[in-house]
Amino acid sequence: MPASSHPQLNQHGELIHLLSTEGLPRDIIVHILDTAAQFVSVNTREVKKVPLLRGKSIFNLFFENSTRTRTTFEIAAKRLSADVFNLDIARSSTSKGETLLDTIANLSAMAADVFVVRHSESGAPYLIARNVAPHVHVINAGDGRHAHPTQGLLDMYTIRHFKKDFTKLSVAIVGDITHSRVARSDIHALTTLGVPDVRVVGPLTLLPGGLEQMGVSLHTDMRTALKDVDVVIMLRLQNERMRGALLPSPQEYFSRYGLTREKLALAKPDAIVMHPGPMNRGVEIESAVADGPQSVILQQVTFGIAVRMAVMSMLAAG
């Protein structure tokens, strides 16, 4: 795809919006991860601020609930010295019938530099990106079932931090693949970074069609799928997105697809365990694993701030 026709890149191939890991060139993903590495140390300093985005205005537009993602975006923006505005959508004009694009036009008139958008409709951030002024940047903080690129990137940062070389890894992604924008973002990023063995694991009712074309293998038996993997990414059961009886009981799901110490023992001894949160303990993962020595779930949250700092600084520091 030529850079000029790619909605995330300008004609010089530079990042202007972050909408998806799909189609994102490998060198840009690596540049984001390298930039994030420089910000990890900022988060351990006594003074956790750098002046890169001083005077810039970042609007968090969350049309769908999120505590963790919105908070980490807000922390990341403030650590870059930006001015941050959180729009309470439930009380905003869109709930009074104003269209999404009218809302964006009005906010743009307030001299916004970056919109961080979470929306229940797949594609909403793309619509916004196509209709903002050239100096305004859009970051997709999760749209419907489609994409969650900063989660995908922080997962890549976490994997690189602990495992170094993507080209030698086996990665299993387990759970509700059908409804998971995290799974899609992870798969696109993993394959772009050269991971040779990506295994997607779950009940048939939660494995969508077309996954093989994304360069992954499909598995319904978790025990065989975890054999000798380096990374296990567990997914949250998206109960709020499900229609009909796609699932057995929580107990039955846990027995087949919950990550226990016994199942984790089938992976490599130094395998890491990841989860985008929030976790359903005793359904997707047992506490002994979530809190155990192979879990890097809390490190993901820490790295997530640095990755979001990297993305915002690359987009808006110019």
C-alpha atoms as a PDB file:
ATOM      1  CA  MET A   1       0.000   0.000   0.000  1.00  0.00           C
ATOM      2  CA  PRO A   2       1.604   3.328  -0.961  1.00  0.00           C
ATOM      3  CA  ALA A   3       2.172   5.605   2.022  1.00  0.00           C
ATOM      4  CA  SER A   4      -0.071   8.352   0.660  1.00  0.00           C
ATOM      5  CA  SER A   5      -3.090   6.012   0.609  1.00  0.00           C
ATOM      6  CA  HIS A   6      -2.429   4.694   4.119  1.00  0.00           C
ATOM      7  CA  PRO A   7      -4.655   6.536   6.608  1.00  0.00           C
ATOM      8  CA  GLN A   8      -1.985   6.402   9.332  1.00  0.00           C
ATOM      9  CA  LEU A   9       0.948   7.755   7.312  1.00  0.00           C
ATOM     10  CA  ASN A  10       1.694  10.919   5.358  1.00  0.00           C
ATOM     11  CA  GLN A  11       3.239  10.923   1.890  1.00  0.00           C
ATOM     12  CA  HIS A  12       6.715  10.676   3.463  1.00  0.00           C
ATOM     13  CA  GLY A  13       5.753   7.492   5.314  1.00  0.00           C
ATOM     14  CA  GLU A  14       5.669   9.249   8.701  1.00  0.00           C
ATOM     15  CA  LEU A  15       3.096   8.429  11.371  1.00  0.00           C
ATOM     16  CA  ILE A  16       0.256  10.982  11.537  1.00  0.00           C
ATOM     17  CA  HIS A  17      -2.441   8.861  13.241  1.00  0.00           C
ATOM     18  CA  LEU A  18      -2.317   5.572  15.152  1.00  0.00           C
ATOM     19  CA  LEU A  19      -5.449   3.657  14.162  1.00  0.00           C
ATOM     20  CA  SER A  20      -4.364   0.017  13.914  1.00  0.00           C
ATOM     21  CA  THR A  21      -1.294  -2.216  13.981  1.00  0.00           C
ATOM     22  CA  GLU A  22      -2.578  -3.662  10.693  1.00  0.00           C
ATOM     23  CA  GLY A  23      -0.545  -2.281   7.817  1.00  0.00           C
ATOM     24  CA  LEU A  24       1.823  -0.445  10.149  1.00  0.00           C
ATOM     25  CA  PRO A  25       5.335  -0.853   8.705  1.00  0.00           C
ATOM     26  CA  ARG A  26       7.823  -2.833  10.776  1.00  0.00           C
ATOM     27  CA  ASP A  27      10.256   0.089  11.022  1.00  0.00           C
ATOM     28  CA  ILE A  28       7.572   2.328  12.542  1.00  0.00           C
ATOM     29  CA  ILE A  29       6.614  -0.321  15.118  1.00  0.00           C
ATOM     30  CA  VAL A  30      10.288  -0.740  16.054  1.00  0.00           C
ATOM     31  CA  HIS A  31      10.727   3.053  16.252  1.00  0.00           C
ATOM     32  CA  ILE A  32       7.746   3.296  18.641  1.00  0.00           C
ATOM     33  CA  LEU A  33       9.219   0.527  20.830  1.00  0.00           C
ATOM     34  CA  ASP A  34      12.680   2.150  20.799  1.00  0.00           C
ATOM     35  CA  THR A  35      11.164   5.533  21.705  1.00  0.00           C
ATOM     36  CA  ALA A  36       9.151   3.929  24.524  1.00  0.00           C
ATOM     37  CA  ALA A  37      12.359   2.455  25.960  1.00  0.00           C
ATOM     38  CA  GLN A  38      13.638   5.994  26.515  1.00  0.00           C
ATOM     39  CA  PHE A  39      10.478   6.880  28.448  1.00  0.00           C
ATOM     40  CA  VAL A  40      10.518   3.850  30.763  1.00  0.00           C
ATOM     41  CA  SER A  41      13.257   5.517  32.824  1.00  0.00           C
ATOM     42  CA  VAL A  42      11.217   8.753  33.089  1.00  0.00           C
ATOM     43  CA  ASN A  43       8.560   6.814  34.980  1.00  0.00           C
ATOM     44  CA  THR A  44      11.072   5.776  37.654  1.00  0.00           C
ATOM     45  CA  ARG A  45      12.468   9.275  38.287  1.00  0.00           C
ATOM     46  CA  GLU A  46      11.536  11.456  41.230  1.00  0.00           C
ATOM     47  CA  VAL A  47      10.316  14.118  38.773  1.00  0.00           C
ATOM     48  CA  LYS A  48       8.320  12.182  36.184  1.00  0.00           C
ATOM     49  CA  LYS A  49       7.916  14.922  33.576  1.00  0.00           C
ATOM     50  CA  VAL A  50       9.551  15.892  30.314  1.00  0.00           C
ATOM     51  CA  PRO A  51       8.586  19.088  28.423  1.00  0.00           C
ATOM     52  CA  LEU A  52       8.088  17.529  24.970  1.00  0.00           C
ATOM     53  CA  LEU A  53       4.379  18.389  24.598  1.00  0.00           C
ATOM     54  CA  ARG A  54       4.217  21.572  26.661  1.00  0.00           C
ATOM     55  CA  GLY A  55       1.420  23.758  25.317  1.00  0.00           C
ATOM     56  CA  LYS A  56      -0.203  20.902  23.359  1.00  0.00           C
ATOM     57  CA  SER A  57      -3.843  19.973  24.016  1.00  0.00           C
ATOM     58  CA  ILE A  58      -4.830  16.301  24.212  1.00  0.00           C
ATOM     59  CA  PHE A  59      -8.512  15.376  24.352  1.00  0.00           C
ATOM     60  CA  ASN A  60      -9.531  11.972  25.734  1.00  0.00           C
ATOM     61  CA  LEU A  61     -12.806  11.081  23.983  1.00  0.00           C
ATOM     62  CA  PHE A  62     -14.079   7.888  25.561  1.00  0.00           C
ATOM     63  CA  PHE A  63     -17.465   6.952  24.105  1.00  0.00           C
ATOM     64  CA  GLU A  64     -17.089   3.593  25.870  1.00  0.00           C
ATOM     65  CA  ASN A  65     -16.063   2.927  29.467  1.00  0.00           C
ATOM     66  CA  SER A  66     -12.435   2.303  30.311  1.00  0.00           C
ATOM     67  CA  THR A  67     -10.590   2.949  33.531  1.00  0.00           C
ATOM     68  CA  ARG A  68      -7.144   1.537  32.789  1.00  0.00           C
ATOM     69  CA  THR A  69      -6.690   2.770  29.217  1.00  0.00           C
ATOM     70  CA  ARG A  70      -8.011   6.273  29.858  1.00  0.00           C
ATOM     71  CA  THR A  71      -5.938   6.639  33.019  1.00  0.00           C
ATOM     72  CA  THR A  72      -2.709   5.509  31.349  1.00  0.00           C
ATOM     73  CA  PHE A  73      -3.285   7.880  28.409  1.00  0.00           C
ATOM     74  CA  GLU A  74      -3.895  10.713  30.868  1.00  0.00           C
ATOM     75  CA  ILE A  75      -0.754   9.892  32.867  1.00  0.00           C
ATOM     76  CA  ALA A  76       1.292   9.594  29.660  1.00  0.00           C
ATOM     77  CA  ALA A  77       0.085  12.980  28.355  1.00  0.00           C
ATOM     78  CA  LYS A  78       0.724  14.733  31.672  1.00  0.00           C
ATOM     79  CA  ARG A  79       4.223  13.256  31.910  1.00  0.00           C
ATOM     80  CA  LEU A  80       4.879  14.818  28.497  1.00  0.00           C
ATOM     81  CA  SER A  81       3.660  18.154  29.981  1.00  0.00           C
ATOM     82  CA  ALA A  82       0.584  18.325  27.724  1.00  0.00           C
ATOM     83  CA  ASP A  83      -2.734  19.848  28.745  1.00  0.00           C
ATOM     84  CA  VAL A  84      -5.257  17.007  29.068  1.00  0.00           C
ATOM     85  CA  PHE A  85      -9.031  17.292  28.711  1.00  0.00           C
ATOM     86  CA  ASN A  86     -11.302  14.347  29.520  1.00  0.00           C
ATOM     87  CA  LEU A  87     -14.671  14.580  27.785  1.00  0.00           C
ATOM     88  CA  ASP A  88     -17.516  13.057  29.757  1.00  0.00           C
ATOM     89  CA  ILE A  89     -19.381  11.607  26.788  1.00  0.00           C
ATOM     90  CA  ALA A  90     -22.418  10.508  28.781  1.00  0.00           C
ATOM     91  CA  ARG A  91     -23.080  14.148  29.596  1.00  0.00           C
ATOM     92  CA  SER A  92     -21.842  15.585  26.319  1.00  0.00           C
ATOM     93  CA  SER A  93     -23.659  16.834  23.241  1.00  0.00           C
ATOM     94  CA  THR A  94     -23.514  13.443  21.477  1.00  0.00           C
ATOM     95  CA  SER A  95     -25.967  12.098  24.043  1.00  0.00           C
ATOM     96  CA  LYS A  96     -28.231  15.021  23.045  1.00  0.00           C
ATOM     97  CA  GLY A  97     -28.199  14.027  19.388  1.00  0.00           C
ATOM     98  CA  GLU A  98     -25.156  15.896  18.068  1.00  0.00           C
ATOM     99  CA  THR A  99     -23.312  13.834  15.451  1.00  0.00           C
ATOM    100  CA  LEU A 100     -19.832  12.490  16.085  1.00  0.00           C
ATOM    101  CA  LEU A 101     -18.340  14.735  13.398  1.00  0.00           C
ATOM    102  CA  ASP A 102     -20.066  17.846  14.780  1.00  0.00           C
ATOM    103  CA  THR A 103     -18.589  17.064  18.189  1.00  0.00           C
ATOM    104  CA  ILE A 104     -15.131  16.665  16.627  1.00  0.00           C
ATOM    105  CA  ALA A 105     -15.487  19.905  14.642  1.00  0.00           C
ATOM    106  CA  ASN A 106     -16.380  21.824  17.796  1.00  0.00           C
ATOM    107  CA  LEU A 107     -13.486  20.341  19.752  1.00  0.00           C
ATOM    108  CA  SER A 108     -11.091  21.051  16.872  1.00  0.00           C
ATOM    109  CA  ALA A 109     -12.192  24.678  17.078  1.00  0.00           C
ATOM    110  CA  MET A 110     -10.857  24.635  20.643  1.00  0.00           C
ATOM    111  CA  ALA A 111      -7.347  24.058  19.214  1.00  0.00           C
ATOM    112  CA  ALA A 112      -6.988  20.342  19.920  1.00  0.00           C
ATOM    113  CA  ASP A 113      -3.719  18.701  18.877  1.00  0.00           C
ATOM    114  CA  VAL A 114      -4.498  15.040  19.633  1.00  0.00           C
ATOM    115  CA  PHE A 115      -7.757  13.121  19.992  1.00  0.00           C
ATOM    116  CA  VAL A 116      -7.527   9.847  21.912  1.00  0.00           C
ATOM    117  CA  VAL A 117     -10.696   7.999  20.893  1.00  0.00           C
ATOM    118  CA  ARG A 118     -12.402   4.918  22.292  1.00  0.00           C
ATOM    119  CA  HIS A 119     -15.675   3.980  20.627  1.00  0.00           C
ATOM    120  CA  SER A 120     -17.967   0.942  20.583  1.00  0.00           C
ATOM    121  CA  GLU A 121     -18.334   1.198  16.787  1.00  0.00           C
ATOM    122  CA  SER A 122     -15.550  -0.315  14.692  1.00  0.00           C
ATOM    123  CA  GLY A 123     -14.115   2.324  12.378  1.00  0.00           C
ATOM    124  CA  ALA A 124     -15.127   5.441  14.349  1.00  0.00           C
ATOM    125  CA  PRO A 125     -11.501   6.620  14.817  1.00  0.00           C
ATOM    126  CA  TYR A 126     -10.931   6.272  11.042  1.00  0.00           C
ATOM    127  CA  LEU A 127     -13.965   8.472  10.372  1.00  0.00           C
ATOM    128  CA  ILE A 128     -12.592  11.082  12.764  1.00  0.00           C
ATOM    129  CA  ALA A 129      -9.064  10.890  11.280  1.00  0.00           C
ATOM    130  CA  ARG A 130     -10.444  11.523   7.784  1.00  0.00           C
ATOM    131  CA  ASN A 131     -12.275  14.630   8.947  1.00  0.00           C
ATOM    132  CA  VAL A 132      -9.829  16.475  11.201  1.00  0.00           C
ATOM    133  CA  ALA A 133      -7.542  19.348  10.232  1.00  0.00           C
ATOM    134  CA  PRO A 134      -4.060  18.332   9.007  1.00  0.00           C
ATOM    135  CA  HIS A 135      -2.374  19.361  12.278  1.00  0.00           C
ATOM    136  CA  VAL A 136      -4.699  17.195  14.424  1.00  0.00           C
ATOM    137  CA  HIS A 137      -3.696  13.606  15.236  1.00  0.00           C
ATOM    138  CA  VAL A 138      -5.974  10.712  16.194  1.00  0.00           C
ATOM    139  CA  ILE A 139      -5.052   7.768  18.409  1.00  0.00           C
ATOM    140  CA  ASN A 140      -7.403   4.787  18.476  1.00  0.00           C
ATOM    141  CA  ALA A 141      -7.812   3.681  22.100  1.00  0.00           C
ATOM    142  CA  GLY A 142     -10.062   0.784  21.039  1.00  0.00           C
ATOM    143  CA  ASP A 143     -12.888   0.634  18.493  1.00  0.00           C
ATOM    144  CA  GLY A 144     -15.521  -2.099  18.738  1.00  0.00           C
ATOM    145  CA  ARG A 145     -14.067  -5.503  17.915  1.00  0.00           C
ATOM    146  CA  HIS A 146     -11.630  -3.986  15.446  1.00  0.00           C
ATOM    147  CA  ALA A 147      -8.381  -2.708  16.951  1.00  0.00           C
ATOM    148  CA  HIS A 148      -6.582  -1.562  20.095  1.00  0.00           C
ATOM    149  CA  PRO A 149      -3.177  -0.566  18.715  1.00  0.00           C
ATOM    150  CA  THR A 150      -1.553   0.864  21.858  1.00  0.00           C
ATOM    151  CA  GLN A 151      -2.391  -2.351  23.728  1.00  0.00           C
ATOM    152  CA  GLY A 152      -0.866  -4.329  20.861  1.00  0.00           C
ATOM    153  CA  LEU A 153       2.247  -2.142  20.966  1.00  0.00           C
ATOM    154  CA  LEU A 154       2.655  -2.362  24.740  1.00  0.00           C
ATOM    155  CA  ASP A 155       2.309  -6.141  24.421  1.00  0.00           C
ATOM    156  CA  MET A 156       5.104  -6.086  21.806  1.00  0.00           C
ATOM    157  CA  TYR A 157       7.228  -3.938  24.114  1.00  0.00           C
ATOM    158  CA  THR A 158       6.668  -6.398  26.969  1.00  0.00           C
ATOM    159  CA  ILE A 159       7.556  -9.398  24.789  1.00  0.00           C
ATOM    160  CA  ARG A 160      10.681  -7.682  23.428  1.00  0.00           C
ATOM    161  CA  HIS A 161      11.756  -6.655  26.945  1.00  0.00           C
ATOM    162  CA  PHE A 162      11.648 -10.235  28.251  1.00  0.00           C
ATOM    163  CA  LYS A 163      12.341 -12.285  25.098  1.00  0.00           C
ATOM    164  CA  LYS A 164      14.462  -9.972  22.884  1.00  0.00           C
ATOM    165  CA  ASP A 165      14.236 -11.699  19.466  1.00  0.00           C
ATOM    166  CA  PHE A 166      10.765 -11.960  17.915  1.00  0.00           C
ATOM    167  CA  THR A 167      11.956 -14.232  15.102  1.00  0.00           C
ATOM    168  CA  LYS A 168      12.546 -17.215  17.404  1.00  0.00           C
ATOM    169  CA  LEU A 169       9.299 -17.158  19.393  1.00  0.00           C
ATOM    170  CA  SER A 170       6.163 -19.240  19.745  1.00  0.00           C
ATOM    171  CA  VAL A 171       3.223 -17.207  21.065  1.00  0.00           C
ATOM    172  CA  ALA A 172      -0.205 -18.482  22.146  1.00  0.00           C
ATOM    173  CA  ILE A 173      -3.211 -16.136  22.338  1.00  0.00           C
ATOM    174  CA  VAL A 174      -5.986 -17.774  24.350  1.00  0.00           C
ATOM    175  CA  GLY A 175      -9.673 -17.035  24.838  1.00  0.00           C
ATOM    176  CA  ASP A 176     -12.372 -14.925  23.251  1.00  0.00           C
ATOM    177  CA  ILE A 177     -10.766 -14.168  19.894  1.00  0.00           C
ATOM    178  CA  THR A 178     -14.023 -13.267  18.126  1.00  0.00           C
ATOM    179  CA  HIS A 179     -14.745 -10.184  20.222  1.00  0.00           C
ATOM    180  CA  SER A 180     -11.144  -9.203  20.980  1.00  0.00           C
ATOM    181  CA  ARG A 181      -9.637  -6.100  19.393  1.00  0.00           C
ATOM    182  CA  VAL A 182      -6.517  -6.867  21.454  1.00  0.00           C
ATOM    183  CA  ALA A 183      -6.117 -10.246  19.717  1.00  0.00           C
ATOM    184  CA  ARG A 184      -6.325  -8.628  16.268  1.00  0.00           C
ATOM    185  CA  SER A 185      -3.839  -5.906  17.168  1.00  0.00           C
ATOM    186  CA  ASP A 186      -1.442  -8.451  18.695  1.00  0.00           C
ATOM    187  CA  ILE A 187      -1.663 -10.797  15.702  1.00  0.00           C
ATOM    188  CA  HIS A 188      -0.915  -8.044  13.166  1.00  0.00           C
ATOM    189  CA  ALA A 189       2.017  -6.749  15.228  1.00  0.00           C
ATOM    190  CA  LEU A 190       3.469 -10.206  15.947  1.00  0.00           C
ATOM    191  CA  THR A 191       3.395 -11.266  12.304  1.00  0.00           C
ATOM    192  CA  THR A 192       4.838  -7.918  11.150  1.00  0.00           C
ATOM    193  CA  LEU A 193       7.702  -8.307  13.641  1.00  0.00           C
ATOM    194  CA  GLY A 194       8.483 -11.760  12.272  1.00  0.00           C
ATOM    195  CA  VAL A 195       7.146 -14.141  14.928  1.00  0.00           C
ATOM    196  CA  PRO A 196       7.120 -17.507  13.094  1.00  0.00           C
ATOM    197  CA  ASP A 197       4.607 -19.349  15.294  1.00  0.00           C
ATOM    198  CA  VAL A 198       1.429 -17.595  16.485  1.00  0.00           C
ATOM    199  CA  ARG A 199      -1.204 -19.962  17.900  1.00  0.00           C
ATOM    200  CA  VAL A 200      -4.766 -18.804  18.454  1.00  0.00           C
ATOM    201  CA  VAL A 201      -6.632 -20.878  21.043  1.00  0.00           C
ATOM    202  CA  GLY A 202     -10.280 -20.995  22.087  1.00  0.00           C
ATOM    203  CA  PRO A 203     -13.632 -22.718  21.679  1.00  0.00           C
ATOM    204  CA  LEU A 204     -14.894 -22.860  18.087  1.00  0.00           C
ATOM    205  CA  THR A 205     -17.709 -20.445  18.976  1.00  0.00           C
ATOM    206  CA  LEU A 206     -15.097 -17.800  19.840  1.00  0.00           C
ATOM    207  CA  LEU A 207     -12.738 -18.357  16.883  1.00  0.00           C
ATOM    208  CA  PRO A 208     -13.814 -16.165  13.939  1.00  0.00           C
ATOM    209  CA  GLY A 209     -13.394 -17.219  10.317  1.00  0.00           C
ATOM    210  CA  GLY A 210     -10.469 -15.962   8.266  1.00  0.00           C
ATOM    211  CA  LEU A 211      -7.820 -16.193  10.971  1.00  0.00           C
ATOM    212  CA  GLU A 212      -5.551 -18.497   8.963  1.00  0.00           C
ATOM    213  CA  GLN A 213      -5.152 -15.737   6.366  1.00  0.00           C
ATOM    214  CA  MET A 214      -3.627 -13.603   9.136  1.00  0.00           C
ATOM    215  CA  GLY A 215      -0.737 -16.055   9.410  1.00  0.00           C
ATOM    216  CA  VAL A 216      -1.744 -17.912  12.581  1.00  0.00           C
ATOM    217  CA  SER A 217      -2.654 -21.495  13.475  1.00  0.00           C
ATOM    218  CA  LEU A 218      -5.998 -22.352  15.111  1.00  0.00           C
ATOM    219  CA  HIS A 219      -6.391 -24.624  18.136  1.00  0.00           C
ATOM    220  CA  THR A 220      -9.336 -25.735  20.263  1.00  0.00           C
ATOM    221  CA  ASP A 221      -7.253 -27.896  22.634  1.00  0.00           C
ATOM    222  CA  MET A 222      -5.393 -25.598  24.997  1.00  0.00           C
ATOM    223  CA  ARG A 223      -3.036 -28.263  26.306  1.00  0.00           C
ATOM    224  CA  THR A 224      -1.569 -29.144  22.908  1.00  0.00           C
ATOM    225  CA  ALA A 225      -1.499 -25.458  21.918  1.00  0.00           C
ATOM    226  CA  LEU A 226       0.609 -24.425  24.932  1.00  0.00           C
ATOM    227  CA  LYS A 227       3.314 -27.018  24.324  1.00  0.00           C
ATOM    228  CA  ASP A 228       6.729 -25.293  24.316  1.00  0.00           C
ATOM    229  CA  VAL A 229       5.421 -21.739  23.821  1.00  0.00           C
ATOM    230  CA  ASP A 230       7.492 -18.744  24.967  1.00  0.00           C
ATOM    231  CA  VAL A 231       4.600 -16.341  25.551  1.00  0.00           C
ATOM    232  CA  VAL A 232       1.002 -16.913  26.705  1.00  0.00           C
ATOM    233  CA  ILE A 233      -1.404 -14.005  26.148  1.00  0.00           C
ATOM    234  CA  MET A 234      -4.704 -14.570  27.939  1.00  0.00           C
ATOM    235  CA  LEU A 235      -7.754 -12.567  26.840  1.00  0.00           C
ATOM    236  CA  ARG A 236     -10.702 -11.248  28.789  1.00  0.00           C
ATOM    237  CA  LEU A 237     -14.081 -12.850  28.130  1.00  0.00           C
ATOM    238  CA  GLN A 238     -16.050 -10.036  26.502  1.00  0.00           C
ATOM    239  CA  ASN A 239     -19.404 -10.819  28.094  1.00  0.00           C
ATOM    240  CA  GLU A 240     -20.781  -7.381  27.197  1.00  0.00           C
ATOM    241  CA  ARG A 241     -20.238  -8.017  23.467  1.00  0.00           C
ATOM    242  CA  MET A 242     -21.641 -11.529  23.267  1.00  0.00           C
ATOM    243  CA  ARG A 243     -24.892 -12.422  21.579  1.00  0.00           C
ATOM    244  CA  GLY A 244     -26.548 -15.707  22.452  1.00  0.00           C
ATOM    245  CA  ALA A 245     -25.072 -18.783  24.068  1.00  0.00           C
ATOM    246  CA  LEU A 246     -21.503 -18.744  22.772  1.00  0.00           C
ATOM    247  CA  LEU A 247     -20.085 -19.987  26.050  1.00  0.00           C
ATOM    248  CA  PRO A 248     -20.379 -22.919  28.412  1.00  0.00           C
ATOM    249  CA  SER A 249     -20.604 -22.145  32.127  1.00  0.00           C
ATOM    250  CA  PRO A 250     -17.683 -20.181  33.676  1.00  0.00           C
ATOM    251  CA  GLN A 251     -16.583 -23.358  35.453  1.00  0.00           C
ATOM    252  CA  GLU A 252     -16.517 -25.366  32.233  1.00  0.00           C
ATOM    253  CA  TYR A 253     -14.719 -22.551  30.396  1.00  0.00           C
ATOM    254  CA  PHE A 254     -12.091 -22.432  33.156  1.00  0.00           C
ATOM    255  CA  SER A 255     -11.533 -26.180  33.041  1.00  0.00           C
ATOM    256  CA  ARG A 256     -10.887 -26.075  29.279  1.00  0.00           C
ATOM    257  CA  TYR A 257      -9.407 -22.611  28.641  1.00  0.00           C
ATOM    258  CA  GLY A 258      -8.462 -21.127  32.004  1.00  0.00           C
ATOM    259  CA  LEU A 259      -4.720 -20.815  32.583  1.00  0.00           C
ATOM    260  CA  THR A 260      -3.693 -22.946  35.551  1.00  0.00           C
ATOM    261  CA  ARG A 261      -0.232 -23.870  36.842  1.00  0.00           C
ATOM    262  CA  GLU A 262      -0.782 -27.353  35.424  1.00  0.00           C
ATOM    263  CA  LYS A 263      -1.467 -26.026  31.900  1.00  0.00           C
ATOM    264  CA  LEU A 264       1.305 -23.429  32.111  1.00  0.00           C
ATOM    265  CA  ALA A 265       3.769 -26.244  32.900  1.00  0.00           C
ATOM    266  CA  LEU A 266       3.317 -27.402  29.277  1.00  0.00           C
ATOM    267  CA  ALA A 267       4.882 -24.150  28.025  1.00  0.00           C
ATOM    268  CA  LYS A 268       8.619 -23.476  28.189  1.00  0.00           C
ATOM    269  CA  PRO A 269       9.912 -23.137  31.755  1.00  0.00           C
ATOM    270  CA  ASP A 270      10.719 -19.447  31.194  1.00  0.00           C
ATOM    271  CA  ALA A 271       7.447 -18.630  29.385  1.00  0.00           C
ATOM    272  CA  ILE A 272       5.831 -15.314  30.315  1.00  0.00           C
ATOM    273  CA  VAL A 273       2.117 -14.827  31.012  1.00  0.00           C
ATOM    274  CA  MET A 274       0.295 -11.695  29.824  1.00  0.00           C
ATOM    275  CA  HIS A 275      -3.258 -10.338  30.118  1.00  0.00           C
ATOM    276  CA  PRO A 276      -4.649  -6.981  28.898  1.00  0.00           C
ATOM    277  CA  GLY A 277      -6.890  -6.644  31.956  1.00  0.00           C
ATOM    278  CA  PRO A 278      -9.224  -6.493  33.649  1.00  0.00           C
ATOM    279  CA  MET A 279      -8.865 -10.144  34.608  1.00  0.00           C
ATOM    280  CA  ASN A 280     -11.654 -12.539  35.537  1.00  0.00           C
ATOM    281  CA  ARG A 281      -9.798 -14.622  38.109  1.00  0.00           C
ATOM    282  CA  GLY A 282     -10.995 -18.198  38.256  1.00  0.00           C
ATOM    283  CA  VAL A 283     -12.483 -17.956  34.754  1.00  0.00           C
ATOM    284  CA  GLU A 284      -9.607 -16.978  32.418  1.00  0.00           C
ATOM    285  CA  ILE A 285      -6.686 -17.408  34.790  1.00  0.00           C
ATOM    286  CA  GLU A 286      -6.085 -18.743  38.285  1.00  0.00           C
ATOM    287  CA  SER A 287      -4.653 -16.391  40.902  1.00  0.00           C
ATOM    288  CA  ALA A 288      -1.592 -18.580  41.446  1.00  0.00           C
ATOM    289  CA  VAL A 289      -0.615 -17.892  37.813  1.00  0.00           C
ATOM    290  CA  ALA A 290      -1.752 -14.246  37.637  1.00  0.00           C
ATOM    291  CA  ASP A 291       0.303 -13.429  40.740  1.00  0.00           C
ATOM    292  CA  GLY A 292       3.036 -15.984  40.057  1.00  0.00           C
ATOM    293  CA  PRO A 293       6.677 -15.638  38.995  1.00  0.00           C
ATOM    294  CA  GLN A 294       5.965 -16.000  35.257  1.00  0.00           C
ATOM    295  CA  SER A 295       3.295 -13.293  35.198  1.00  0.00           C
ATOM    296  CA  VAL A 296       4.301  -9.937  33.665  1.00  0.00           C
ATOM    297  CA  ILE A 297       0.786  -8.470  33.826  1.00  0.00           C
ATOM    298  CA  LEU A 298       1.699  -5.533  36.060  1.00  0.00           C
ATOM    299  CA  GLN A 299       4.806  -4.783  33.969  1.00  0.00           C
ATOM    300  CA  GLN A 300       2.487  -4.491  30.944  1.00  0.00           C
ATOM    301  CA  VAL A 301       0.658  -1.635  32.692  1.00  0.00           C
ATOM    302  CA  THR A 302       3.937   0.141  33.478  1.00  0.00           C
ATOM    303  CA  PHE A 303       5.224  -0.292  29.926  1.00  0.00           C
ATOM    304  CA  GLY A 304       1.837   0.883  28.620  1.00  0.00           C
ATOM    305  CA  ILE A 305       2.469   4.384  29.964  1.00  0.00           C
ATOM    306  CA  ALA A 306       5.854   4.555  28.199  1.00  0.00           C
ATOM    307  CA  VAL A 307       4.399   3.238  24.925  1.00  0.00           C
ATOM    308  CA  ARG A 308       1.574   5.801  24.999  1.00  0.00           C
ATOM    309  CA  MET A 309       4.118   8.538  25.758  1.00  0.00           C
ATOM    310  CA  ALA A 310       6.103   7.372  22.730  1.00  0.00           C
ATOM    311  CA  VAL A 311       3.100   7.425  20.388  1.00  0.00           C
ATOM    312  CA  MET A 312       1.907  10.868  21.528  1.00  0.00           C
ATOM    313  CA  SER A 313       5.378  12.377  21.344  1.00  0.00           C
ATOM    314  CA  MET A 314       5.963  10.995  17.836  1.00  0.00           C
ATOM    315  CA  LEU A 315       2.626  12.373  16.637  1.00  0.00           C
ATOM    316  CA  ALA A 316       2.479  15.757  18.338  1.00  0.00           C
ATOM    317  CA  ALA A 317       6.000  16.913  19.180  1.00  0.00           C
ATOM    318  CA  GLY A 318       6.577  18.366  15.695  1.00  0.00           C
END
